[in-house]
PDB file of N, CA and C in Angstrom:
ATOM      1  N   ILE A   1     -44.210 -17.746  57.180  1.00  0.00           N
ATOM      2  CA  ILE A   1     -43.432 -18.902  58.228  1.00  0.00           C
ATOM      3  C   ILE A   1     -44.622 -19.917  58.490  1.00  0.00           C
ATOM      4  N   GLN A   2     -45.935 -19.165  58.827  1.00  0.00           N
ATOM      5  CA  GLN A   2     -47.112 -19.806  58.954  1.00  0.00           C
ATOM      6  C   GLN A   2     -47.135 -20.493  58.090  1.00  0.00           C
ATOM      7  N   GLY A   3     -47.956 -20.553  56.865  1.00  0.00           N
ATOM      8  CA  GLY A   3     -47.989 -20.979  55.423  1.00  0.00           C
ATOM      9  C   GLY A   3     -47.408 -21.817  55.371  1.00  0.00           C
ATOM     10  N   TYR A   4     -46.479 -22.255  55.368  1.00  0.00           N
ATOM     11  CA  TYR A   4     -45.911 -23.422  55.321  1.00  0.00           C
ATOM     12  C   TYR A   4     -45.765 -24.768  55.973  1.00  0.00           C
ATOM     13  N   LYS A   5     -45.748 -23.818  57.240  1.00  0.00           N
ATOM     14  CA  LYS A   5     -45.873 -24.764  58.645  1.00  0.00           C
ATOM     15  C   LYS A   5     -47.346 -25.655  58.395  1.00  0.00           C
ATOM     16  N   VAL A   6     -48.833 -25.122  57.891  1.00  0.00           N
ATOM     17  CA  VAL A   6     -50.190 -25.345  57.876  1.00  0.00           C
ATOM     18  C   VAL A   6     -49.982 -26.741  56.626  1.00  0.00           C
ATOM     19  N   VAL A   7     -49.024 -26.845  55.741  1.00  0.00           N
ATOM     20  CA  VAL A   7     -48.943 -27.358  54.785  1.00  0.00           C
ATOM     21  C   VAL A   7     -48.452 -28.561  55.306  1.00  0.00           C
ATOM     22  N   VAL A   8     -47.821 -28.405  55.928  1.00  0.00           N
ATOM     23  CA  VAL A   8     -46.393 -29.346  56.524  1.00  0.00           C
ATOM     24  C   VAL A   8     -47.927 -30.382  57.566  1.00  0.00           C
ATOM     25  N   MET A   9     -48.429 -30.218  57.870  1.00  0.00           N
ATOM     26  CA  MET A   9     -49.753 -30.541  58.574  1.00  0.00           C
ATOM     27  C   MET A   9     -50.436 -31.949  57.803  1.00  0.00           C
ATOM     28  N   VAL A  10     -50.912 -31.083  57.126  1.00  0.00           N
ATOM     29  CA  VAL A  10     -51.797 -31.572  56.095  1.00  0.00           C
ATOM     30  C   VAL A  10     -51.318 -32.301  55.096  1.00  0.00           C
ATOM     31  N   GLY A  11     -50.146 -32.148  54.683  1.00  0.00           N
ATOM     32  CA  GLY A  11     -49.302 -32.929  54.035  1.00  0.00           C
ATOM     33  C   GLY A  11     -48.281 -34.090  54.751  1.00  0.00           C
ATOM     34  N   ASP A  12     -48.442 -34.312  55.814  1.00  0.00           N
ATOM     35  CA  ASP A  12     -48.599 -35.618  57.100  1.00  0.00           C
ATOM     36  C   ASP A  12     -46.745 -35.215  57.001  1.00  0.00           C
ATOM     37  N   GLY A  13     -46.212 -34.242  57.104  1.00  0.00           N
ATOM     38  CA  GLY A  13     -45.200 -33.957  57.317  1.00  0.00           C
ATOM     39  C   GLY A  13     -44.326 -34.462  55.636  1.00  0.00           C
ATOM     40  N   ALA A  14     -44.671 -34.813  54.804  1.00  0.00           N
ATOM     41  CA  ALA A  14     -44.065 -35.047  53.876  1.00  0.00           C
ATOM     42  C   ALA A  14     -43.577 -34.028  52.731  1.00  0.00           C
ATOM     43  N   THR A  15     -44.608 -32.926  52.835  1.00  0.00           N
ATOM     44  CA  THR A  15     -44.296 -30.972  52.515  1.00  0.00           C
ATOM     45  C   THR A  15     -43.498 -30.316  53.178  1.00  0.00           C
ATOM     46  N   ASP A  16     -42.814 -30.842  54.270  1.00  0.00           N
ATOM     47  CA  ASP A  16     -42.197 -29.955  54.756  1.00  0.00           C
ATOM     48  C   ASP A  16     -40.912 -29.766  53.923  1.00  0.00           C
ATOM     49  N   LEU A  17     -40.327 -30.679  53.221  1.00  0.00           N
ATOM     50  CA  LEU A  17     -39.118 -29.821  52.086  1.00  0.00           C
ATOM     51  C   LEU A  17     -39.552 -28.842  50.890  1.00  0.00           C
ATOM     52  N   GLU A  18     -40.862 -29.043  50.923  1.00  0.00           N
ATOM     53  CA  GLU A  18     -41.331 -28.040  49.911  1.00  0.00           C
ATOM     54  C   GLU A  18     -42.303 -27.155  50.596  1.00  0.00           C
TER      55      GLU A  18
END
């Protein structure tokens, strides 16, 4: 759960769906 959150931050929120 925390792993996807980090991706969302560095992904500018665009990776939120991924």
